[in-house]
């Protein structure tokens, strides 16, 4: 693919996309909720019916979203002032019999700031397509999850490491003064450059492996969706395979990223880690981090058993376990897991913040549903950790968040209802829950903006219940630190 040719058609293509209103809102309005939902399920016929006779927008939906072969004259009208011949020379379209069809995936997306356009390789979901070794992945579930989980507070500089089709970099341009995007695959950088041109965004694009293209530089934020697939170390597809054994790619990213952050800078990364027999996954990930200079919040969102994990990624690479070659790959992969004691593969987010003190690392599960942005939560989490580092908890006053609820769960007993658990629950964000006892509930009831410091509340509580004050104070400090970290309790 010739980058210069592809970039040369972007101004005319942008004019056509704007004129035809090839944006997310217009496409959804054209298709309607039922056809749009069917398209999302991989059922194109309702969308094709809705797009027929719908003018230039309908033609672009058929051409790019449904990957139909369309008459060249109709394509010429919809893409004017870009000619089909120029689009074919640039690699955007290709001839198919008497018509033309898409050679690349071109679709609108909206990350919260209006429509942007992205270019990637066709994924084979609507038309049989062989996955190239240098395949440029479009906006999938992993990239969308990172997109929604990345902080978007204003920063000076962003590094998007392993940019792929450029979705993270294009989004970062909305909240950063400068964005640098890197990738080991030239095809990725070509399509990212075209996406940036379509959206009239300036990006610095650098080719190279991992952090090599930015050696000696630091950034205010790092965003990374690296090739984190946990495997045998073989490389079949550059967008997913790192060439490193098991979770080596995630280890490299997590262990080195802080070196490339400015003081106070943050990183948001997708990562995977193996669950090994006899080993705590949290300790495994924590061991990747330096003992000084970083705050880390590791959030595990899912865990897959080996069979499910291998089957999923074999299908992603067009392999079929029912065929001899696919079965051999599955055997090799599962044998490797078994030899290394792998019982499962965890997946989630790693948030880092560069500091100048001892490292603070929290790794935890968040496998229940959460609709609020973890990106915003990560910014608040690091702010809360910084407050805990710089304040004496016993001497501070606290309040409960307005959405913090006290829950008591009762189960049937021999003599009626029997209390089984007491907990406090945060009503928004990740919805954290902490189990507590009646003494802790009484302590939290005293948290008010005009109330007493924690140490005075402990003194009163110990006297009222005949508890040892020092022991109760130690328990109270541990409890409050955990509740502050998760945002159920706030400094007054």
Protein backbone atom coordinates (compact mmCIF):
# COMPACT_ATOMS: atom_id res chain seq x y z
CA UNK A 1 0.00 0.00 0.00
CA UNK A 2 1.37 3.40 -1.03
CA UNK A 3 0.99 5.87 1.85
CA UNK A 4 1.39 8.93 -0.35
CA UNK A 5 -1.35 7.78 -2.74
CA UNK A 6 -3.73 7.05 0.14
CA UNK A 7 -3.03 10.39 1.79
CA UNK A 8 -3.51 12.21 -1.51
CA UNK A 9 -7.19 11.18 -1.72
CA UNK A 10 -8.07 12.10 1.89
CA UNK A 11 -9.14 15.73 1.30
CA UNK A 12 -11.58 14.72 -1.47
CA UNK A 13 -12.77 11.71 0.54
CA UNK A 14 -13.41 13.90 3.58
CA UNK A 15 -15.48 16.26 1.42
CA UNK A 16 -17.58 13.33 0.18
CA UNK A 17 -18.10 11.88 3.67
CA UNK A 18 -19.22 15.24 5.04
CA UNK A 19 -21.48 15.97 2.07
CA UNK A 20 -23.17 12.57 2.34
CA UNK A 21 -23.42 12.85 6.14
CA UNK A 22 -21.55 9.58 6.63
CA UNK A 23 -21.55 10.01 10.39
CA UNK A 24 -22.70 7.83 13.24
CA UNK A 25 -25.95 9.68 13.96
CA UNK A 26 -27.02 9.78 10.32
CA UNK A 27 -26.23 6.10 9.78
CA UNK A 28 -28.21 5.09 12.86
CA UNK A 29 -31.14 7.25 11.75
CA UNK A 30 -31.04 5.75 8.25
CA UNK A 31 -30.96 2.15 9.46
CA UNK A 32 -33.37 2.52 12.36
CA UNK A 33 -32.98 0.67 15.66
CA UNK A 34 -33.97 -2.80 14.43
CA UNK A 35 -31.74 -2.89 11.34
CA UNK A 36 -28.87 -1.29 13.27
CA UNK A 37 -29.16 -3.95 15.97
CA UNK A 38 -29.29 -6.69 13.33
CA UNK A 39 -26.14 -5.30 11.69
CA UNK A 40 -24.42 -5.38 15.06
CA UNK A 41 -25.30 -9.10 15.29
CA UNK A 42 -23.71 -9.76 11.90
CA UNK A 43 -27.06 -9.88 10.04
CA UNK A 44 -26.69 -7.45 7.10
CA UNK A 45 -29.96 -7.99 5.21
CA UNK A 46 -32.17 -5.57 7.25
CA UNK A 47 -29.49 -2.87 6.96
CA UNK A 48 -29.16 -3.49 3.21
CA UNK A 49 -32.93 -3.11 2.78
CA UNK A 50 -32.90 0.15 4.75
CA UNK A 51 -30.00 1.54 2.69
CA UNK A 52 -31.61 0.88 -0.70
CA UNK A 53 -32.79 4.05 -2.37
CA UNK A 54 -31.35 6.18 0.45
CA UNK A 55 -29.18 8.35 -1.78
CA UNK A 56 -25.47 8.86 -1.34
CA UNK A 57 -25.52 7.96 2.35
CA UNK A 58 -27.26 4.68 1.61
CA UNK A 59 -24.68 3.92 -1.08
CA UNK A 60 -21.78 4.57 1.33
CA UNK A 61 -23.42 2.33 3.93
CA UNK A 62 -23.70 -0.46 1.36
CA UNK A 63 -20.16 0.13 0.07
CA UNK A 64 -18.23 0.40 3.34
CA UNK A 65 -20.37 -1.00 6.16
CA UNK A 66 -22.05 -3.85 4.26
CA UNK A 67 -19.12 -4.39 1.83
CA UNK A 68 -21.46 -4.77 -1.15
CA UNK A 69 -20.28 -4.58 -4.74
CA UNK A 70 -21.88 -1.44 -6.16
CA UNK A 71 -22.21 0.06 -9.69
CA UNK A 72 -19.25 2.32 -10.46
CA UNK A 73 -21.47 5.20 -11.60
CA UNK A 74 -23.35 5.16 -8.27
CA UNK A 75 -20.07 5.07 -6.34
CA UNK A 76 -18.76 7.98 -8.40
CA UNK A 77 -21.76 10.10 -7.44
CA UNK A 78 -21.52 9.21 -3.74
CA UNK A 79 -17.77 9.78 -3.51
CA UNK A 80 -17.57 12.96 -5.62
CA UNK A 81 -15.21 14.78 -5.87
CA UNK A 82 -13.15 11.58 -5.35
CA UNK A 83 -13.20 9.41 -8.46
CA UNK A 84 -13.47 5.62 -8.17
CA UNK A 85 -10.32 5.29 -10.30
CA UNK A 86 -8.29 7.34 -7.81
CA UNK A 87 -9.81 5.43 -4.88
CA UNK A 88 -8.81 2.14 -6.53
CA UNK A 89 -5.25 3.32 -7.19
CA UNK A 90 -4.96 4.38 -3.53
CA UNK A 91 -6.17 1.00 -2.27
CA UNK A 92 -9.46 2.19 -0.78
CA UNK A 93 -11.59 0.35 -3.37
CA UNK A 94 -11.11 -2.58 -5.74
CA UNK A 95 -12.85 -3.77 -8.88
CA UNK A 96 -15.24 -6.73 -8.65
CA UNK A 97 -16.67 -7.75 -12.01
CA UNK A 98 -18.62 -4.83 -13.44
CA UNK A 99 -18.70 -2.99 -10.10
CA UNK A 100 -16.44 -1.81 -7.32
CA UNK A 101 -16.27 -2.73 -3.66
CA UNK A 102 -14.41 -1.66 -0.53
CA UNK A 103 -10.82 -2.85 -0.14
CA UNK A 104 -10.56 -1.24 3.31
CA UNK A 105 -12.95 -0.79 6.21
CA UNK A 106 -13.99 2.86 6.50
CA UNK A 107 -16.44 3.60 9.25
CA UNK A 108 -17.56 6.42 11.54
CA UNK A 109 -17.20 6.16 15.30
CA UNK A 110 -17.90 8.48 18.20
CA UNK A 111 -15.91 8.35 21.43
CA UNK A 112 -17.91 11.18 22.97
CA UNK A 113 -16.72 14.20 21.01
CA UNK A 114 -18.48 13.73 17.67
CA UNK A 115 -17.91 11.59 14.61
CA UNK A 116 -14.44 10.54 13.55
CA UNK A 117 -13.53 8.18 10.70
CA UNK A 118 -11.20 5.20 10.92
CA UNK A 119 -9.55 3.06 8.27
CA UNK A 120 -8.60 -0.56 8.89
CA UNK A 121 -8.46 -3.90 7.10
CA UNK A 122 -11.64 -5.84 6.39
CA UNK A 123 -12.30 -8.41 9.10
CA UNK A 124 -14.02 -11.13 7.08
CA UNK A 125 -17.27 -10.91 9.02
CA UNK A 126 -19.36 -9.98 5.97
CA UNK A 127 -17.17 -11.14 3.12
CA UNK A 128 -14.60 -13.95 3.17
CA UNK A 129 -11.19 -12.38 3.68
CA UNK A 130 -7.81 -13.91 4.45
CA UNK A 131 -6.28 -12.32 7.56
CA UNK A 132 -2.93 -10.82 6.55
CA UNK A 133 0.11 -11.28 8.82
CA UNK A 134 0.23 -7.48 9.06
CA UNK A 135 -3.55 -7.17 9.39
CA UNK A 136 -4.68 -3.80 10.74
CA UNK A 137 -7.41 -4.46 13.25
CA UNK A 138 -10.40 -2.16 13.39
CA UNK A 139 -12.30 -1.01 16.46
CA UNK A 140 -12.96 -4.22 18.37
CA UNK A 141 -14.11 -4.90 21.90
CA UNK A 142 -10.60 -4.60 23.33
CA UNK A 143 -9.91 -1.21 21.75
CA UNK A 144 -13.38 0.05 22.70
CA UNK A 145 -12.89 -1.04 26.30
CA UNK A 146 -9.57 0.81 26.47
CA UNK A 147 -11.11 3.83 24.77
CA UNK A 148 -13.81 4.05 27.46
CA UNK A 149 -11.36 3.25 30.27
CA UNK A 150 -8.75 5.90 29.44
CA UNK A 151 -8.69 9.18 31.39
CA UNK A 152 -9.50 12.18 29.22
CA UNK A 153 -8.44 15.03 31.49
CA UNK A 154 -6.33 17.62 29.68
CA UNK A 155 -2.63 16.73 29.29
CA UNK A 156 0.28 18.04 27.30
CA UNK A 157 1.59 14.92 25.57
CA UNK A 158 0.32 11.39 24.89
CA UNK A 159 2.13 8.29 23.63
CA UNK A 160 -0.08 5.69 21.95
CA UNK A 161 2.15 2.62 21.83
CA UNK A 162 1.07 0.04 19.27
CA UNK A 163 -1.46 2.32 17.63
CA UNK A 164 -2.98 -0.19 15.18
CA UNK A 165 -5.64 1.68 13.21
CA UNK A 166 -5.04 4.80 15.33
CA UNK A 167 -8.27 4.83 17.32
CA UNK A 168 -6.60 5.68 20.64
CA UNK A 169 -4.36 8.32 19.07
CA UNK A 170 -7.23 10.02 17.25
CA UNK A 171 -9.24 10.10 20.48
CA UNK A 172 -6.21 11.40 22.43
CA UNK A 173 -5.89 14.35 20.05
CA UNK A 174 -9.07 15.71 21.65
CA UNK A 175 -7.49 16.07 25.11
CA UNK A 176 -3.74 16.35 24.46
CA UNK A 177 -1.60 19.08 22.93
CA UNK A 178 0.59 16.55 21.08
CA UNK A 179 0.12 12.86 20.29
CA UNK A 180 2.84 10.41 19.30
CA UNK A 181 1.73 7.06 17.87
CA UNK A 182 4.06 4.12 17.31
CA UNK A 183 3.75 0.69 15.72
CA UNK A 184 6.03 -2.04 14.49
CA UNK A 185 3.84 -2.55 11.40
CA UNK A 186 4.19 -0.03 8.55
CA UNK A 187 0.68 -0.82 7.30
CA UNK A 188 -0.73 0.28 10.67
CA UNK A 189 1.08 3.60 10.44
CA UNK A 190 -0.15 4.12 6.87
CA UNK A 191 -3.80 3.63 7.81
CA UNK A 192 -3.37 5.69 10.98
CA UNK A 193 -1.86 8.50 8.91
CA UNK A 194 -4.85 8.35 6.56
CA UNK A 195 -7.27 8.36 9.49
CA UNK A 196 -5.53 11.40 10.94
CA UNK A 197 -5.72 13.17 7.57
CA UNK A 198 -9.43 12.36 7.21
CA UNK A 199 -10.07 13.86 10.63
CA UNK A 200 -7.67 16.80 10.10
CA UNK A 201 -5.60 15.75 13.11
CA UNK A 202 -1.83 16.11 13.50
CA UNK A 203 -0.05 13.02 14.82
CA UNK A 204 3.61 12.15 15.15
CA UNK A 205 3.97 8.64 13.70
CA UNK A 206 7.04 6.52 14.51
CA UNK A 207 7.87 3.00 13.38
CA UNK A 208 9.53 0.59 15.77
CA UNK A 209 9.20 -2.06 18.45
CA UNK A 210 7.86 -1.30 21.93
CA UNK A 211 9.52 1.78 23.43
CA UNK A 212 12.47 1.91 21.01
CA UNK A 213 11.04 4.73 18.82
CA UNK A 214 10.73 7.05 21.85
CA UNK A 215 13.94 6.17 23.69
CA UNK A 216 14.98 9.01 25.99
CA UNK A 217 11.59 10.77 25.84
CA UNK A 218 8.83 11.09 28.43
CA UNK A 219 5.11 11.83 28.19
CA UNK A 220 2.22 12.99 30.34
CA UNK A 221 0.17 9.93 29.42
CA UNK A 222 0.78 6.56 27.82
CA UNK A 223 -2.06 4.60 26.23
CA UNK A 224 -1.40 1.08 25.03
CA UNK A 225 -3.35 -1.81 23.56
CA UNK A 226 -0.32 -4.03 22.91
CA UNK A 227 -0.23 -7.52 21.37
CA UNK A 228 -1.00 -9.11 24.74
CA UNK A 229 -2.22 -12.56 23.65
CA UNK A 230 -0.83 -15.22 26.00
CA UNK A 231 0.65 -17.94 23.83
CA UNK A 232 3.70 -20.03 22.96
CA UNK A 233 5.68 -17.05 21.65
CA UNK A 234 5.04 -17.75 17.96
CA UNK A 235 4.00 -14.79 15.80
CA UNK A 236 1.16 -15.35 13.35
CA UNK A 237 -0.51 -11.92 13.39
CA UNK A 238 1.38 -8.81 14.45
CA UNK A 239 -1.68 -7.11 15.94
CA UNK A 240 -2.04 -9.78 18.62
CA UNK A 241 1.18 -11.85 18.85
CA UNK A 242 4.22 -10.33 20.55
CA UNK A 243 6.72 -13.13 20.05
CA UNK A 244 7.11 -13.38 23.83
CA UNK A 245 6.26 -16.41 25.89
CA UNK A 246 3.04 -16.44 27.93
CA UNK A 247 2.39 -12.98 29.46
CA UNK A 248 5.83 -11.60 28.62
CA UNK A 249 4.42 -8.75 26.50
CA UNK A 250 2.28 -7.44 29.33
CA UNK A 251 5.20 -7.79 31.73
CA UNK A 252 7.39 -5.71 29.41
CA UNK A 253 4.78 -2.97 29.10
CA UNK A 254 3.90 -2.79 32.79
CA UNK A 255 7.52 -2.90 33.98
CA UNK A 256 8.91 -0.31 31.57
CA UNK A 257 6.10 2.21 31.01
CA UNK A 258 6.81 4.32 34.09
CA UNK A 259 10.28 5.17 32.74
CA UNK A 260 8.62 7.03 29.88
CA UNK A 261 6.24 9.08 32.04
CA UNK A 262 6.81 12.64 33.22
CA UNK A 263 6.53 13.16 37.01
CA UNK A 264 2.83 12.82 37.81
CA UNK A 265 2.19 11.30 34.38
CA UNK A 266 -0.20 8.40 34.00
CA UNK A 267 -0.56 5.28 31.87
CA UNK A 268 -3.67 3.32 30.88
CA UNK A 269 -2.98 -0.08 29.34
CA UNK A 270 -4.69 -3.31 28.47
CA UNK A 271 -2.86 -6.38 29.72
CA UNK A 272 -3.16 -10.11 30.29
CA UNK A 273 -1.60 -12.32 32.94
CA UNK A 274 -1.58 -16.03 33.56
CA UNK A 275 -3.11 -17.68 36.60
CA UNK A 276 -0.59 -20.30 37.65
CA UNK A 277 -1.21 -23.16 40.04
CA UNK A 278 -0.03 -22.15 43.51
CA UNK A 279 0.56 -18.48 42.62
CA UNK A 280 -1.57 -15.41 43.37
CA UNK A 281 -2.12 -13.50 40.10
CA UNK A 282 -1.98 -10.22 42.04
CA UNK A 283 1.50 -10.99 43.32
CA UNK A 284 2.57 -11.94 39.80
CA UNK A 285 1.53 -8.61 38.30
CA UNK A 286 2.85 -6.63 41.29
CA UNK A 287 6.27 -8.27 40.81
CA UNK A 288 6.52 -6.61 37.40
CA UNK A 289 6.55 -3.14 38.97
CA UNK A 290 9.50 -1.28 40.51
CA UNK A 291 9.57 -0.88 44.29
CA UNK A 292 9.96 2.89 44.01
CA UNK A 293 8.41 5.62 41.91
CA UNK A 294 4.99 4.34 40.84
CA UNK A 295 1.41 4.12 42.01
CA UNK A 296 -0.37 1.25 40.28
CA UNK A 297 -4.01 0.18 40.10
CA UNK A 298 -4.52 -3.19 38.39
CA UNK A 299 -8.11 -4.13 37.59
CA UNK A 300 -8.94 -7.67 36.50
CA UNK A 301 -12.09 -7.64 34.37
CA UNK A 302 -12.27 -11.27 33.23
CA UNK A 303 -10.64 -14.69 33.54
CA UNK A 304 -10.79 -17.36 30.83
CA UNK A 305 -10.02 -21.05 31.25
CA UNK A 306 -7.31 -22.40 28.90
CA UNK A 307 -9.71 -24.19 26.53
CA UNK A 308 -11.91 -21.13 26.08
CA UNK A 309 -8.92 -18.84 25.67
CA UNK A 310 -7.19 -20.98 23.05
CA UNK A 311 -10.40 -21.62 21.13
CA UNK A 312 -11.23 -17.91 21.01
CA UNK A 313 -7.86 -16.85 19.63
CA UNK A 314 -7.67 -19.75 17.16
CA UNK A 315 -10.95 -18.59 15.64
CA UNK A 316 -9.63 -15.04 15.60
CA UNK A 317 -6.72 -16.27 13.45
CA UNK A 318 -8.99 -18.16 11.02
CA UNK A 319 -8.01 -21.57 12.45
CA UNK A 320 -10.60 -24.30 12.99
CA UNK A 321 -10.02 -26.97 15.66
CA UNK A 322 -12.09 -29.38 13.55
CA UNK A 323 -9.37 -29.33 10.88
CA UNK A 324 -6.08 -31.21 11.38
CA UNK A 325 -3.95 -28.04 11.24
CA UNK A 326 -6.18 -26.19 13.68
CA UNK A 327 -6.31 -29.18 16.01
CA UNK A 328 -2.50 -29.39 16.00
CA UNK A 329 -2.25 -25.69 16.92
CA UNK A 330 -4.71 -26.16 19.76
CA UNK A 331 -2.78 -29.18 21.08
CA UNK A 332 0.49 -27.25 20.97
CA UNK A 333 -1.00 -24.24 22.75
CA UNK A 334 -2.74 -26.27 25.46
CA UNK A 335 0.35 -28.42 26.00
CA UNK A 336 2.37 -25.28 26.56
CA UNK A 337 -0.15 -24.03 29.12
CA UNK A 338 -0.14 -27.38 30.91
CA UNK A 339 3.66 -27.50 31.10
CA UNK A 340 3.68 -24.05 32.68
CA UNK A 341 0.88 -24.72 35.15
CA UNK A 342 -1.48 -22.22 33.55
CA UNK A 343 -4.98 -22.61 34.98
CA UNK A 344 -6.48 -19.48 33.44
CA UNK A 345 -5.75 -16.18 31.75
CA UNK A 346 -6.74 -12.90 33.35
CA UNK A 347 -7.48 -9.75 31.38
CA UNK A 348 -7.92 -6.17 32.45
CA UNK A 349 -6.49 -2.70 32.83
CA UNK A 350 -3.26 -1.48 34.37
CA UNK A 351 -3.17 2.15 35.48
CA UNK A 352 0.16 3.71 36.48
CA UNK A 353 1.18 7.07 37.89
CA UNK A 354 4.79 8.17 38.22
CA UNK A 355 5.70 9.41 41.71
CA UNK A 356 8.87 10.14 43.65
CA UNK A 357 8.21 7.86 46.64
CA UNK A 358 7.79 4.20 47.51
CA UNK A 359 5.52 2.33 45.10
CA UNK A 360 1.90 1.75 46.02
CA UNK A 361 0.30 -1.19 44.19
CA UNK A 362 -3.28 -2.41 44.39
CA UNK A 363 -4.43 -5.33 42.21
CA UNK A 364 -8.05 -6.40 42.50
CA UNK A 365 -10.99 -8.02 40.76
CA UNK A 366 -13.73 -6.00 39.10
CA UNK A 367 -15.65 -8.64 37.21
CA UNK A 368 -19.12 -7.31 38.00
CA UNK A 369 -20.79 -4.93 35.58
CA UNK A 370 -19.85 -1.26 35.60
CA UNK A 371 -21.14 1.39 33.20
CA UNK A 372 -19.18 4.41 34.43
CA UNK A 373 -15.80 5.26 32.94
CA UNK A 374 -12.88 3.63 34.71
CA UNK A 375 -10.68 6.33 33.22
CA UNK A 376 -12.24 9.02 35.37
CA UNK A 377 -12.15 6.62 38.31
CA UNK A 378 -8.42 6.05 37.80
CA UNK A 379 -7.72 9.78 38.03
CA UNK A 380 -9.72 9.96 41.26
CA UNK A 381 -8.07 6.79 42.57
CA UNK A 382 -4.59 8.25 42.22
CA UNK A 383 -5.76 11.49 43.84
CA UNK A 384 -7.06 9.50 46.80
CA UNK A 385 -3.83 7.48 47.09
CA UNK A 386 -1.86 10.72 47.09
CA UNK A 387 -4.05 12.08 49.89
CA UNK A 388 -3.50 8.94 51.97
CA UNK A 389 0.24 9.20 51.44
CA UNK A 390 0.36 12.78 52.72
CA UNK A 391 -2.12 12.72 55.63
CA UNK A 392 -2.46 11.13 59.06
CA UNK A 393 -5.72 9.20 58.87
CA UNK A 394 -6.31 9.22 62.64
CA UNK A 395 -6.12 13.00 62.80
CA UNK A 396 -8.45 13.60 59.85
CA UNK A 397 -12.20 14.13 59.61
CA UNK A 398 -14.23 12.17 57.08
CA UNK A 399 -17.62 12.15 55.41
CA UNK A 400 -19.54 9.43 53.61
CA UNK A 401 -20.28 9.88 49.92
CA UNK A 402 -24.00 10.63 49.44
CA UNK A 403 -24.40 7.39 47.46
CA UNK A 404 -22.71 5.15 50.03
CA UNK A 405 -25.29 2.70 51.34
CA UNK A 406 -25.29 0.43 54.39
CA UNK A 407 -26.68 -3.02 53.61
CA UNK A 408 -27.62 -5.83 55.96
CA UNK A 409 -28.33 -9.24 54.47
CA UNK A 410 -30.43 -11.74 56.43
CA UNK A 411 -30.89 -15.44 55.71
CA UNK A 412 -33.41 -17.85 57.17
CA UNK A 413 -32.31 -19.39 60.48
CA UNK A 414 -33.63 -21.81 63.06
CA UNK A 415 -35.25 -18.97 64.98
CA UNK A 416 -36.20 -16.69 62.09
CA UNK A 417 -34.08 -14.26 60.13
CA UNK A 418 -30.37 -14.34 60.91
CA UNK A 419 -28.00 -11.59 59.87
CA UNK A 420 -25.42 -13.02 57.45
CA UNK A 421 -23.40 -10.01 56.33
CA UNK A 422 -23.11 -6.26 56.83
CA UNK A 423 -21.50 -4.18 54.13
CA UNK A 424 -21.20 -0.69 52.74
CA UNK A 425 -21.79 -0.27 49.04
CA UNK A 426 -20.82 2.54 46.68
CA UNK A 427 -23.76 3.44 44.48
CA UNK A 428 -21.85 4.65 41.40
CA UNK A 429 -18.64 4.03 39.51
CA UNK A 430 -17.26 0.52 40.03
CA UNK A 431 -19.83 -0.17 42.77
CA UNK A 432 -17.29 -1.33 45.34
CA UNK A 433 -18.51 -3.26 48.39
CA UNK A 434 -16.76 -3.68 51.74
CA UNK A 435 -17.92 -6.10 54.39
CA UNK A 436 -17.87 -4.57 57.88
CA UNK A 437 -19.12 -5.37 61.39
CA UNK A 438 -21.44 -3.51 63.72
CA UNK A 439 -18.59 -1.58 65.35
CA UNK A 440 -17.43 -0.34 61.96
CA UNK A 441 -20.99 0.63 61.05
CA UNK A 442 -21.24 2.64 64.27
CA UNK A 443 -17.91 4.32 63.49
CA UNK A 444 -18.98 5.30 59.97
CA UNK A 445 -22.23 6.75 61.34
CA UNK A 446 -20.11 9.40 63.03
CA UNK A 447 -18.51 10.62 59.79
CA UNK A 448 -19.75 14.16 59.18
CA UNK A 449 -18.17 17.30 57.80
CA UNK A 450 -18.52 19.04 61.19
CA UNK A 451 -17.78 15.85 63.15
CA UNK A 452 -14.85 14.63 65.20
CA UNK A 453 -11.47 13.41 63.93
CA UNK A 454 -11.17 9.65 63.50
CA UNK A 455 -9.03 9.24 66.63
CA UNK A 456 -11.69 10.89 68.80
CA UNK A 457 -14.43 8.73 67.30
CA UNK A 458 -12.33 5.65 68.06
CA UNK A 459 -11.87 6.78 71.67
CA UNK A 460 -15.63 7.21 72.14
CA UNK A 461 -16.43 3.92 70.42
CA UNK A 462 -13.86 1.98 72.46
CA UNK A 463 -15.23 3.39 75.73
CA UNK A 464 -18.85 2.69 74.78
CA UNK A 465 -18.20 -0.94 73.80
CA UNK A 466 -15.37 -1.87 76.15
CA UNK A 467 -12.84 -2.35 73.35
CA UNK A 468 -9.07 -1.90 73.48
CA UNK A 469 -8.50 1.56 72.03
CA UNK A 470 -5.16 0.84 70.33
CA UNK A 471 -6.43 -2.32 68.67
CA UNK A 472 -9.61 -0.55 67.56
CA UNK A 473 -7.57 2.36 66.19
CA UNK A 474 -5.45 0.00 64.07
CA UNK A 475 -8.59 -1.64 62.67
CA UNK A 476 -10.17 1.76 62.00
CA UNK A 477 -7.13 3.01 60.10
CA UNK A 478 -7.08 -0.08 57.87
CA UNK A 479 -10.83 0.15 57.23
CA UNK A 480 -10.80 3.86 56.42
CA UNK A 481 -7.78 3.59 54.13
CA UNK A 482 -9.59 0.94 52.10
CA UNK A 483 -12.81 2.96 51.96
CA UNK A 484 -10.95 6.11 50.91
CA UNK A 485 -9.14 4.21 48.14
CA UNK A 486 -12.46 3.05 46.74
CA UNK A 487 -14.18 6.38 47.19
CA UNK A 488 -16.86 5.38 49.72
CA UNK A 489 -15.40 7.74 52.30
CA UNK A 490 -13.97 11.18 51.59
CA UNK A 491 -11.83 13.57 53.65
CA UNK A 492 -14.03 16.29 55.13
